Amino acid sequence: MIGMKLISSIYTWLIMALAVIAGAMIAGVFLMIIYDVAVRTLGFQPPFFTSALSEYAMLYATLFAAPWVVRTKSHVFVEFLASSLPERTRRVLRKAVYFLCVVICTGLAWYGAQAVADFWSRGELDIRSIVIPRWLLYAPLPLGFGLCAIEFARFFVGFDDMYIRQDGAGIDGI
């Protein structure tokens, strides 16, 4: 039992750490853009890598933060149909939604892992203002979508319910 608690703690720490890294990346993009605009306004040549690094950081930040967003139930969802259904039908619909989310996230994680392996083996490069290995563009996909699949699986097996907050109150959907 202690082993499961340790694994759960490490997993929760990983999700939180990735969310913090995502926040730092967004702050970094903000600062890079301010610096780029300020330097350009003063008539100097801005760094050539700002645009490319901003694009990469936004991709990584989105996929690093996604599992935390699912865990904290902070994502957008639509519940107008489910709220009008009988409770038993609503539970079945919720399980179907969770299962579909697990399947989609697992598929995207698998695709990302295959792309990473393919680009790694071929040694392809992404050439923009900076040159990086192309597999780095796909590297956050297996991690982010894989962790999202785990989060939706937690809902599916009943560890949590996406539609109920920690304080017991329901979450208002659209």
N, C-alpha and C. Protein backbone atom coordinates (compact mmCIF):
# COMPACT_ATOMS: atom_id res chain seq x y z
N MET A 1 0.82 -1.20 0.00
CA MET A 1 0.00 0.00 0.00
C MET A 1 0.86 1.26 0.00
N ILE A 2 1.98 1.22 0.74
CA ILE A 2 2.87 2.38 0.76
C ILE A 2 3.44 2.64 -0.62
N GLY A 3 3.69 1.56 -1.37
CA GLY A 3 4.21 1.71 -2.73
C GLY A 3 3.26 2.48 -3.62
N MET A 4 1.96 2.21 -3.52
CA MET A 4 0.97 2.91 -4.34
C MET A 4 0.87 4.38 -3.93
N LYS A 5 0.97 4.64 -2.63
CA LYS A 5 0.93 6.04 -2.16
C LYS A 5 2.15 6.80 -2.68
N LEU A 6 3.30 6.15 -2.69
CA LEU A 6 4.52 6.78 -3.20
C LEU A 6 4.40 7.05 -4.69
N ILE A 7 3.93 6.07 -5.43
CA ILE A 7 3.74 6.25 -6.88
C ILE A 7 2.74 7.37 -7.15
N SER A 8 1.65 7.40 -6.39
CA SER A 8 0.64 8.45 -6.55
C SER A 8 1.23 9.83 -6.24
N SER A 9 2.05 9.90 -5.20
CA SER A 9 2.68 11.18 -4.82
C SER A 9 3.65 11.65 -5.90
N ILE A 10 4.44 10.72 -6.41
CA ILE A 10 5.39 11.07 -7.48
C ILE A 10 4.65 11.51 -8.72
N TYR A 11 3.58 10.80 -9.05
CA TYR A 11 2.78 11.14 -10.23
C TYR A 11 2.16 12.54 -10.08
N THR A 12 1.59 12.80 -8.91
CA THR A 12 1.00 14.12 -8.67
C THR A 12 2.07 15.21 -8.73
N TRP A 13 3.24 14.92 -8.15
CA TRP A 13 4.34 15.88 -8.22
C TRP A 13 4.74 16.14 -9.67
N LEU A 14 4.79 15.10 -10.51
CA LEU A 14 5.14 15.25 -11.93
C LEU A 14 4.16 16.17 -12.63
N ILE A 15 2.87 15.96 -12.40
CA ILE A 15 1.86 16.80 -13.04
C ILE A 15 2.01 18.25 -12.59
N MET A 16 2.23 18.45 -11.31
CA MET A 16 2.40 19.81 -10.80
C MET A 16 3.68 20.45 -11.35
N ALA A 17 4.77 19.69 -11.38
CA ALA A 17 6.04 20.21 -11.90
C ALA A 17 5.90 20.61 -13.37
N LEU A 18 5.23 19.79 -14.16
CA LEU A 18 5.03 20.13 -15.57
C LEU A 18 4.18 21.39 -15.71
N ALA A 19 3.18 21.56 -14.85
CA ALA A 19 2.36 22.77 -14.89
C ALA A 19 3.17 24.01 -14.54
N VAL A 20 4.05 23.88 -13.55
CA VAL A 20 4.92 25.01 -13.17
C VAL A 20 5.88 25.34 -14.31
N ILE A 21 6.44 24.32 -14.93
CA ILE A 21 7.33 24.53 -16.09
C ILE A 21 6.56 25.22 -17.21
N ALA A 22 5.32 24.80 -17.44
CA ALA A 22 4.50 25.43 -18.47
C ALA A 22 4.28 26.90 -18.16
N GLY A 23 3.99 27.21 -16.91
CA GLY A 23 3.81 28.61 -16.52
C GLY A 23 5.08 29.42 -16.72
N ALA A 24 6.22 28.83 -16.39
CA ALA A 24 7.49 29.53 -16.59
C ALA A 24 7.76 29.75 -18.08
N MET A 25 7.39 28.78 -18.90
CA MET A 25 7.57 28.95 -20.35
C MET A 25 6.71 30.09 -20.88
N ILE A 26 5.48 30.18 -20.41
CA ILE A 26 4.61 31.27 -20.86
C ILE A 26 5.17 32.61 -20.40
N ALA A 27 5.67 32.67 -19.18
CA ALA A 27 6.29 33.90 -18.70
C ALA A 27 7.53 34.23 -19.53
N GLY A 28 8.30 33.21 -19.88
CA GLY A 28 9.48 33.42 -20.73
C GLY A 28 9.12 33.96 -22.10
N VAL A 29 8.05 33.42 -22.68
CA VAL A 29 7.59 33.92 -23.99
C VAL A 29 7.17 35.38 -23.86
N PHE A 30 6.46 35.70 -22.80
CA PHE A 30 6.04 37.08 -22.54
C PHE A 30 7.25 38.01 -22.49
N LEU A 31 8.25 37.61 -21.73
CA LEU A 31 9.46 38.44 -21.60
C LEU A 31 10.23 38.54 -22.92
N MET A 32 10.31 37.43 -23.67
CA MET A 32 11.00 37.48 -24.97
C MET A 32 10.31 38.44 -25.93
N ILE A 33 9.00 38.43 -25.93
CA ILE A 33 8.26 39.32 -26.83
C ILE A 33 8.46 40.77 -26.43
N ILE A 34 8.40 41.05 -25.14
CA ILE A 34 8.64 42.43 -24.67
C ILE A 34 10.04 42.88 -25.08
N TYR A 35 11.02 42.04 -24.86
CA TYR A 35 12.39 42.38 -25.22
C TYR A 35 12.51 42.60 -26.72
N ASP A 36 11.94 41.72 -27.50
CA ASP A 36 11.99 41.82 -28.96
C ASP A 36 11.39 43.14 -29.44
N VAL A 37 10.21 43.47 -28.93
CA VAL A 37 9.54 44.71 -29.35
C VAL A 37 10.33 45.93 -28.89
N ALA A 38 10.84 45.90 -27.65
CA ALA A 38 11.60 47.04 -27.14
C ALA A 38 12.87 47.28 -27.96
N VAL A 39 13.59 46.22 -28.24
CA VAL A 39 14.82 46.34 -29.03
C VAL A 39 14.51 46.87 -30.43
N ARG A 40 13.45 46.34 -31.03
CA ARG A 40 13.05 46.79 -32.37
C ARG A 40 12.64 48.26 -32.36
N THR A 41 11.90 48.66 -31.31
CA THR A 41 11.46 50.05 -31.18
C THR A 41 12.64 51.00 -31.03
N LEU A 42 13.68 50.55 -30.36
CA LEU A 42 14.87 51.38 -30.18
C LEU A 42 15.76 51.39 -31.43
N GLY A 43 15.36 50.67 -32.46
CA GLY A 43 16.10 50.70 -33.71
C GLY A 43 17.21 49.67 -33.83
N PHE A 44 17.25 48.74 -32.91
CA PHE A 44 18.28 47.70 -32.96
C PHE A 44 17.72 46.42 -33.58
N GLN A 45 18.61 45.54 -33.93
CA GLN A 45 18.21 44.25 -34.47
C GLN A 45 17.77 43.33 -33.32
N PRO A 46 16.52 42.86 -33.34
CA PRO A 46 16.09 41.94 -32.28
C PRO A 46 16.69 40.56 -32.48
N PRO A 47 16.65 39.74 -31.45
CA PRO A 47 17.18 38.38 -31.59
C PRO A 47 16.44 37.63 -32.71
N PHE A 48 17.14 36.83 -33.43
CA PHE A 48 16.55 36.12 -34.56
C PHE A 48 15.72 34.91 -34.13
N PHE A 49 15.90 34.47 -32.92
CA PHE A 49 15.28 33.22 -32.46
C PHE A 49 13.98 33.41 -31.70
N THR A 50 13.55 34.64 -31.45
CA THR A 50 12.38 34.88 -30.59
C THR A 50 11.13 34.19 -31.11
N SER A 51 10.85 34.32 -32.39
CA SER A 51 9.63 33.74 -32.95
C SER A 51 9.63 32.22 -32.84
N ALA A 52 10.73 31.59 -33.24
CA ALA A 52 10.79 30.12 -33.19
C ALA A 52 10.71 29.61 -31.76
N LEU A 53 11.45 30.21 -30.85
CA LEU A 53 11.41 29.76 -29.46
C LEU A 53 10.02 29.96 -28.85
N SER A 54 9.35 31.05 -29.23
CA SER A 54 7.99 31.28 -28.74
C SER A 54 7.04 30.19 -29.22
N GLU A 55 7.16 29.81 -30.49
CA GLU A 55 6.31 28.74 -31.03
C GLU A 55 6.56 27.43 -30.31
N TYR A 56 7.81 27.08 -30.13
CA TYR A 56 8.15 25.82 -29.45
C TYR A 56 7.66 25.85 -28.01
N ALA A 57 7.87 26.96 -27.33
CA ALA A 57 7.48 27.08 -25.92
C ALA A 57 5.96 26.98 -25.77
N MET A 58 5.20 27.55 -26.69
CA MET A 58 3.74 27.48 -26.59
C MET A 58 3.26 26.03 -26.77
N LEU A 59 3.88 25.29 -27.67
CA LEU A 59 3.54 23.88 -27.86
C LEU A 59 3.84 23.09 -26.59
N TYR A 60 5.05 23.25 -26.07
CA TYR A 60 5.45 22.53 -24.87
C TYR A 60 4.58 22.93 -23.67
N ALA A 61 4.33 24.23 -23.51
CA ALA A 61 3.54 24.70 -22.37
C ALA A 61 2.13 24.13 -22.41
N THR A 62 1.54 24.08 -23.59
CA THR A 62 0.19 23.55 -23.71
C THR A 62 0.14 22.08 -23.30
N LEU A 63 1.08 21.30 -23.79
CA LEU A 63 1.07 19.86 -23.49
C LEU A 63 1.57 19.55 -22.08
N PHE A 64 2.42 20.38 -21.54
CA PHE A 64 2.86 20.17 -20.16
C PHE A 64 1.75 20.52 -19.16
N ALA A 65 0.95 21.54 -19.47
CA ALA A 65 -0.10 21.97 -18.55
C ALA A 65 -1.37 21.13 -18.68
N ALA A 66 -1.59 20.48 -19.80
CA ALA A 66 -2.85 19.78 -20.05
C ALA A 66 -3.22 18.76 -18.97
N PRO A 67 -2.32 17.90 -18.50
CA PRO A 67 -2.72 16.95 -17.45
C PRO A 67 -3.18 17.64 -16.16
N TRP A 68 -2.52 18.73 -15.81
CA TRP A 68 -2.90 19.48 -14.62
C TRP A 68 -4.29 20.10 -14.82
N VAL A 69 -4.55 20.60 -16.02
CA VAL A 69 -5.86 21.19 -16.32
C VAL A 69 -6.96 20.13 -16.17
N VAL A 70 -6.69 18.92 -16.67
CA VAL A 70 -7.68 17.84 -16.51
C VAL A 70 -7.81 17.48 -15.03
N ARG A 71 -6.70 17.34 -14.33
CA ARG A 71 -6.73 16.95 -12.91
C ARG A 71 -7.54 17.95 -12.09
N THR A 72 -7.36 19.24 -12.36
CA THR A 72 -8.04 20.28 -11.58
C THR A 72 -9.41 20.64 -12.14
N LYS A 73 -9.80 19.93 -13.19
CA LYS A 73 -11.13 20.13 -13.81
C LYS A 73 -11.31 21.57 -14.28
N SER A 74 -10.26 22.11 -14.84
CA SER A 74 -10.25 23.50 -15.28
C SER A 74 -10.51 23.65 -16.78
N HIS A 75 -10.76 22.56 -17.46
CA HIS A 75 -10.98 22.62 -18.90
C HIS A 75 -12.44 22.96 -19.19
N VAL A 76 -12.70 23.35 -20.41
CA VAL A 76 -14.04 23.70 -20.84
C VAL A 76 -14.77 22.42 -21.22
N PHE A 77 -16.01 22.31 -20.81
CA PHE A 77 -16.82 21.17 -21.22
C PHE A 77 -18.27 21.62 -21.35
N VAL A 78 -19.04 20.86 -22.07
CA VAL A 78 -20.44 21.18 -22.32
C VAL A 78 -21.29 20.09 -21.66
N GLU A 79 -22.21 20.50 -20.81
CA GLU A 79 -23.01 19.54 -20.08
C GLU A 79 -24.51 19.74 -20.26
N PHE A 80 -24.93 20.56 -21.20
CA PHE A 80 -26.35 20.86 -21.30
C PHE A 80 -27.20 19.62 -21.59
N LEU A 81 -26.70 18.69 -22.40
CA LEU A 81 -27.46 17.47 -22.70
C LEU A 81 -27.49 16.56 -21.48
N ALA A 82 -26.33 16.35 -20.88
CA ALA A 82 -26.24 15.43 -19.74
C ALA A 82 -27.08 15.88 -18.56
N SER A 83 -27.18 17.18 -18.34
CA SER A 83 -27.94 17.67 -17.18
C SER A 83 -29.43 17.42 -17.32
N SER A 84 -29.91 17.21 -18.53
CA SER A 84 -31.34 16.97 -18.73
C SER A 84 -31.70 15.49 -18.75
N LEU A 85 -30.70 14.61 -18.60
CA LEU A 85 -30.93 13.17 -18.64
C LEU A 85 -31.15 12.61 -17.25
N PRO A 86 -31.80 11.45 -17.16
CA PRO A 86 -31.93 10.77 -15.86
C PRO A 86 -30.54 10.40 -15.33
N GLU A 87 -30.42 10.26 -14.01
CA GLU A 87 -29.11 10.03 -13.37
C GLU A 87 -28.40 8.80 -13.91
N ARG A 88 -29.09 7.70 -14.11
CA ARG A 88 -28.45 6.48 -14.61
C ARG A 88 -27.89 6.71 -16.01
N THR A 89 -28.65 7.32 -16.87
CA THR A 89 -28.21 7.61 -18.24
C THR A 89 -27.04 8.58 -18.21
N ARG A 90 -27.10 9.54 -17.31
CA ARG A 90 -26.01 10.51 -17.17
C ARG A 90 -24.71 9.82 -16.77
N ARG A 91 -24.78 8.86 -15.85
CA ARG A 91 -23.58 8.11 -15.43
C ARG A 91 -23.00 7.33 -16.61
N VAL A 92 -23.86 6.69 -17.39
CA VAL A 92 -23.40 5.93 -18.55
C VAL A 92 -22.76 6.87 -19.57
N LEU A 93 -23.37 8.01 -19.80
CA LEU A 93 -22.82 9.00 -20.74
C LEU A 93 -21.46 9.50 -20.26
N ARG A 94 -21.35 9.77 -18.97
CA ARG A 94 -20.06 10.22 -18.42
C ARG A 94 -18.97 9.17 -18.63
N LYS A 95 -19.29 7.91 -18.36
CA LYS A 95 -18.31 6.84 -18.57
C LYS A 95 -17.92 6.75 -20.04
N ALA A 96 -18.89 6.93 -20.93
CA ALA A 96 -18.59 6.89 -22.37
C ALA A 96 -17.68 8.05 -22.76
N VAL A 97 -17.93 9.22 -22.20
CA VAL A 97 -17.08 10.38 -22.49
C VAL A 97 -15.68 10.14 -21.96
N TYR A 98 -15.56 9.65 -20.73
CA TYR A 98 -14.24 9.37 -20.17
C TYR A 98 -13.49 8.35 -21.03
N PHE A 99 -14.19 7.29 -21.43
CA PHE A 99 -13.57 6.25 -22.25
C PHE A 99 -13.10 6.83 -23.58
N LEU A 100 -13.94 7.64 -24.21
CA LEU A 100 -13.56 8.26 -25.48
C LEU A 100 -12.34 9.17 -25.31
N CYS A 101 -12.31 9.91 -24.22
CA CYS A 101 -11.15 10.78 -23.94
C CYS A 101 -9.88 9.95 -23.76
N VAL A 102 -9.98 8.82 -23.05
CA VAL A 102 -8.82 7.94 -22.87
C VAL A 102 -8.35 7.42 -24.21
N VAL A 103 -9.27 6.97 -25.05
CA VAL A 103 -8.91 6.42 -26.36
C VAL A 103 -8.25 7.50 -27.23
N ILE A 104 -8.82 8.69 -27.28
CA ILE A 104 -8.27 9.77 -28.11
C ILE A 104 -6.88 10.18 -27.61
N CYS A 105 -6.76 10.40 -26.31
CA CYS A 105 -5.46 10.80 -25.75
C CYS A 105 -4.41 9.72 -25.95
N THR A 106 -4.80 8.46 -25.77
CA THR A 106 -3.85 7.37 -25.98
C THR A 106 -3.42 7.31 -27.44
N GLY A 107 -4.36 7.49 -28.35
CA GLY A 107 -4.03 7.50 -29.78
C GLY A 107 -3.08 8.63 -30.14
N LEU A 108 -3.32 9.81 -29.60
CA LEU A 108 -2.44 10.94 -29.88
C LEU A 108 -1.06 10.74 -29.25
N ALA A 109 -1.02 10.15 -28.07
CA ALA A 109 0.27 9.84 -27.44
C ALA A 109 1.03 8.82 -28.28
N TRP A 110 0.33 7.82 -28.77
CA TRP A 110 0.95 6.79 -29.62
C TRP A 110 1.49 7.41 -30.90
N TYR A 111 0.67 8.25 -31.54
CA TYR A 111 1.10 8.93 -32.76
C TYR A 111 2.35 9.77 -32.48
N GLY A 112 2.33 10.51 -31.38
CA GLY A 112 3.48 11.34 -31.02
C GLY A 112 4.73 10.51 -30.79
N ALA A 113 4.57 9.38 -30.11
CA ALA A 113 5.72 8.51 -29.85
C ALA A 113 6.27 7.94 -31.16
N GLN A 114 5.39 7.57 -32.06
CA GLN A 114 5.83 7.05 -33.36
C GLN A 114 6.55 8.14 -34.16
N ALA A 115 6.04 9.36 -34.12
CA ALA A 115 6.68 10.47 -34.83
C ALA A 115 8.06 10.77 -34.24
N VAL A 116 8.14 10.77 -32.91
CA VAL A 116 9.44 11.01 -32.26
C VAL A 116 10.44 9.95 -32.70
N ALA A 117 10.04 8.69 -32.64
CA ALA A 117 10.94 7.59 -33.03
C ALA A 117 11.34 7.70 -34.50
N ASP A 118 10.38 8.03 -35.35
CA ASP A 118 10.66 8.14 -36.78
C ASP A 118 11.64 9.27 -37.08
N PHE A 119 11.36 10.46 -36.53
CA PHE A 119 12.24 11.60 -36.79
C PHE A 119 13.61 11.41 -36.14
N TRP A 120 13.64 10.74 -34.99
CA TRP A 120 14.91 10.44 -34.33
C TRP A 120 15.76 9.54 -35.22
N SER A 121 15.13 8.48 -35.72
CA SER A 121 15.90 7.51 -36.53
C SER A 121 16.38 8.11 -37.85
N ARG A 122 15.62 9.03 -38.41
CA ARG A 122 16.02 9.65 -39.67
C ARG A 122 16.91 10.87 -39.47
N GLY A 123 16.99 11.35 -38.26
CA GLY A 123 17.84 12.50 -37.98
C GLY A 123 17.38 13.79 -38.66
N GLU A 124 16.08 13.93 -38.89
CA GLU A 124 15.57 15.13 -39.57
C GLU A 124 15.71 16.35 -38.68
N LEU A 125 15.89 17.49 -39.32
CA LEU A 125 16.02 18.76 -38.62
C LEU A 125 14.87 19.68 -38.95
N ASP A 126 14.51 20.52 -37.99
CA ASP A 126 13.54 21.59 -38.22
C ASP A 126 14.36 22.86 -38.40
N ILE A 127 14.30 23.42 -39.60
CA ILE A 127 15.14 24.57 -39.91
C ILE A 127 14.27 25.81 -40.00
N ARG A 128 14.42 26.66 -39.03
CA ARG A 128 13.76 27.97 -38.99
C ARG A 128 14.87 28.97 -38.70
N SER A 129 14.61 29.88 -37.78
CA SER A 129 15.66 30.81 -37.40
C SER A 129 16.71 30.11 -36.55
N ILE A 130 16.33 28.99 -35.98
CA ILE A 130 17.27 28.12 -35.29
C ILE A 130 17.07 26.70 -35.84
N VAL A 131 18.05 25.89 -35.68
CA VAL A 131 17.97 24.51 -36.18
C VAL A 131 17.93 23.57 -34.98
N ILE A 132 16.87 22.75 -34.94
CA ILE A 132 16.75 21.76 -33.87
C ILE A 132 16.33 20.42 -34.50
N PRO A 133 16.59 19.34 -33.81
CA PRO A 133 16.10 18.06 -34.31
C PRO A 133 14.56 18.06 -34.36
N ARG A 134 13.99 17.56 -35.45
CA ARG A 134 12.54 17.60 -35.63
C ARG A 134 11.81 16.79 -34.55
N TRP A 135 12.45 15.76 -34.02
CA TRP A 135 11.77 14.95 -33.01
C TRP A 135 11.42 15.76 -31.77
N LEU A 136 12.16 16.85 -31.52
CA LEU A 136 11.86 17.70 -30.37
C LEU A 136 10.49 18.37 -30.49
N LEU A 137 10.03 18.59 -31.73
CA LEU A 137 8.70 19.17 -31.91
C LEU A 137 7.59 18.22 -31.45
N TYR A 138 7.84 16.93 -31.57
CA TYR A 138 6.84 15.93 -31.23
C TYR A 138 7.04 15.34 -29.84
N ALA A 139 8.15 15.62 -29.21
CA ALA A 139 8.46 15.03 -27.91
C ALA A 139 7.41 15.30 -26.82
N PRO A 140 6.78 16.46 -26.77
CA PRO A 140 5.81 16.65 -25.69
C PRO A 140 4.48 15.91 -25.91
N LEU A 141 4.22 15.44 -27.14
CA LEU A 141 2.95 14.77 -27.40
C LEU A 141 2.77 13.49 -26.59
N PRO A 142 3.71 12.55 -26.63
CA PRO A 142 3.48 11.33 -25.84
C PRO A 142 3.36 11.60 -24.35
N LEU A 143 4.15 12.53 -23.84
CA LEU A 143 4.11 12.84 -22.42
C LEU A 143 2.77 13.50 -22.05
N GLY A 144 2.44 14.60 -22.72
CA GLY A 144 1.22 15.34 -22.38
C GLY A 144 -0.04 14.53 -22.59
N PHE A 145 -0.18 13.92 -23.77
CA PHE A 145 -1.39 13.15 -24.03
C PHE A 145 -1.42 11.85 -23.23
N GLY A 146 -0.25 11.26 -22.98
CA GLY A 146 -0.22 10.07 -22.14
C GLY A 146 -0.70 10.35 -20.73
N LEU A 147 -0.25 11.46 -20.16
CA LEU A 147 -0.69 11.83 -18.82
C LEU A 147 -2.16 12.22 -18.81
N CYS A 148 -2.64 12.86 -19.88
CA CYS A 148 -4.07 13.18 -19.97
C CYS A 148 -4.90 11.90 -20.03
N ALA A 149 -4.40 10.89 -20.76
CA ALA A 149 -5.10 9.60 -20.82
C ALA A 149 -5.21 9.00 -19.42
N ILE A 150 -4.14 9.10 -18.65
CA ILE A 150 -4.17 8.58 -17.27
C ILE A 150 -5.19 9.36 -16.44
N GLU A 151 -5.21 10.67 -16.60
CA GLU A 151 -6.17 11.48 -15.84
C GLU A 151 -7.61 11.12 -16.18
N PHE A 152 -7.91 10.97 -17.47
CA PHE A 152 -9.27 10.58 -17.86
C PHE A 152 -9.58 9.15 -17.41
N ALA A 153 -8.57 8.28 -17.39
CA ALA A 153 -8.76 6.92 -16.89
C ALA A 153 -9.10 6.94 -15.41
N ARG A 154 -8.53 7.87 -14.67
CA ARG A 154 -8.87 8.02 -13.24
C ARG A 154 -10.36 8.33 -13.09
N PHE A 155 -10.88 9.19 -13.97
CA PHE A 155 -12.31 9.48 -13.94
C PHE A 155 -13.11 8.22 -14.31
N PHE A 156 -12.66 7.52 -15.33
CA PHE A 156 -13.37 6.35 -15.83
C PHE A 156 -13.50 5.25 -14.76
N VAL A 157 -12.41 4.98 -14.05
CA VAL A 157 -12.47 3.91 -13.04
C VAL A 157 -13.07 4.36 -11.72
N GLY A 158 -13.33 5.65 -11.57
CA GLY A 158 -14.04 6.12 -10.40
C GLY A 158 -13.21 6.74 -9.30
N PHE A 159 -11.91 7.00 -9.55
CA PHE A 159 -11.10 7.69 -8.54
C PHE A 159 -11.56 9.12 -8.33
N ASP A 160 -12.20 9.66 -9.33
CA ASP A 160 -12.65 11.05 -9.29
C ASP A 160 -13.78 11.19 -10.30
N ASP A 161 -14.47 12.29 -10.27
CA ASP A 161 -15.53 12.58 -11.24
C ASP A 161 -15.29 13.98 -11.79
N MET A 162 -15.19 14.08 -13.09
CA MET A 162 -14.90 15.35 -13.73
C MET A 162 -15.97 16.40 -13.41
N TYR A 163 -17.17 15.96 -13.10
CA TYR A 163 -18.29 16.88 -12.91
C TYR A 163 -18.55 17.25 -11.46
N ILE A 164 -17.71 16.77 -10.55
CA ILE A 164 -17.88 17.11 -9.14
C ILE A 164 -16.59 17.70 -8.61
N ARG A 165 -16.70 18.89 -8.00
CA ARG A 165 -15.52 19.54 -7.44
C ARG A 165 -15.13 18.91 -6.12
N GLN A 166 -13.93 19.25 -5.66
CA GLN A 166 -13.42 18.72 -4.38
C GLN A 166 -14.35 19.07 -3.22
N ASP A 167 -14.96 20.25 -3.28
CA ASP A 167 -15.82 20.67 -2.17
C ASP A 167 -17.21 20.04 -2.25
N GLY A 168 -17.43 19.16 -3.26
CA GLY A 168 -18.70 18.46 -3.37
C GLY A 168 -19.71 19.17 -4.25
N ALA A 169 -19.45 20.42 -4.59
CA ALA A 169 -20.37 21.16 -5.45
C ALA A 169 -20.22 20.73 -6.89
N GLY A 170 -21.28 20.76 -7.63
CA GLY A 170 -21.21 20.43 -9.06
C GLY A 170 -20.53 21.55 -9.82
N ILE A 171 -19.95 21.21 -10.94
CA ILE A 171 -19.33 22.20 -11.79
C ILE A 171 -20.34 22.60 -12.86
N ASP A 172 -20.49 23.88 -13.04
CA ASP A 172 -21.45 24.34 -14.04
C ASP A 172 -20.85 24.27 -15.41
N GLY A 173 -21.42 23.45 -16.27
CA GLY A 173 -21.02 23.39 -17.67
C GLY A 173 -21.81 24.41 -18.46
N ILE A 174 -21.55 24.44 -19.72
CA ILE A 174 -22.26 25.38 -20.59
C ILE A 174 -23.56 24.74 -21.02
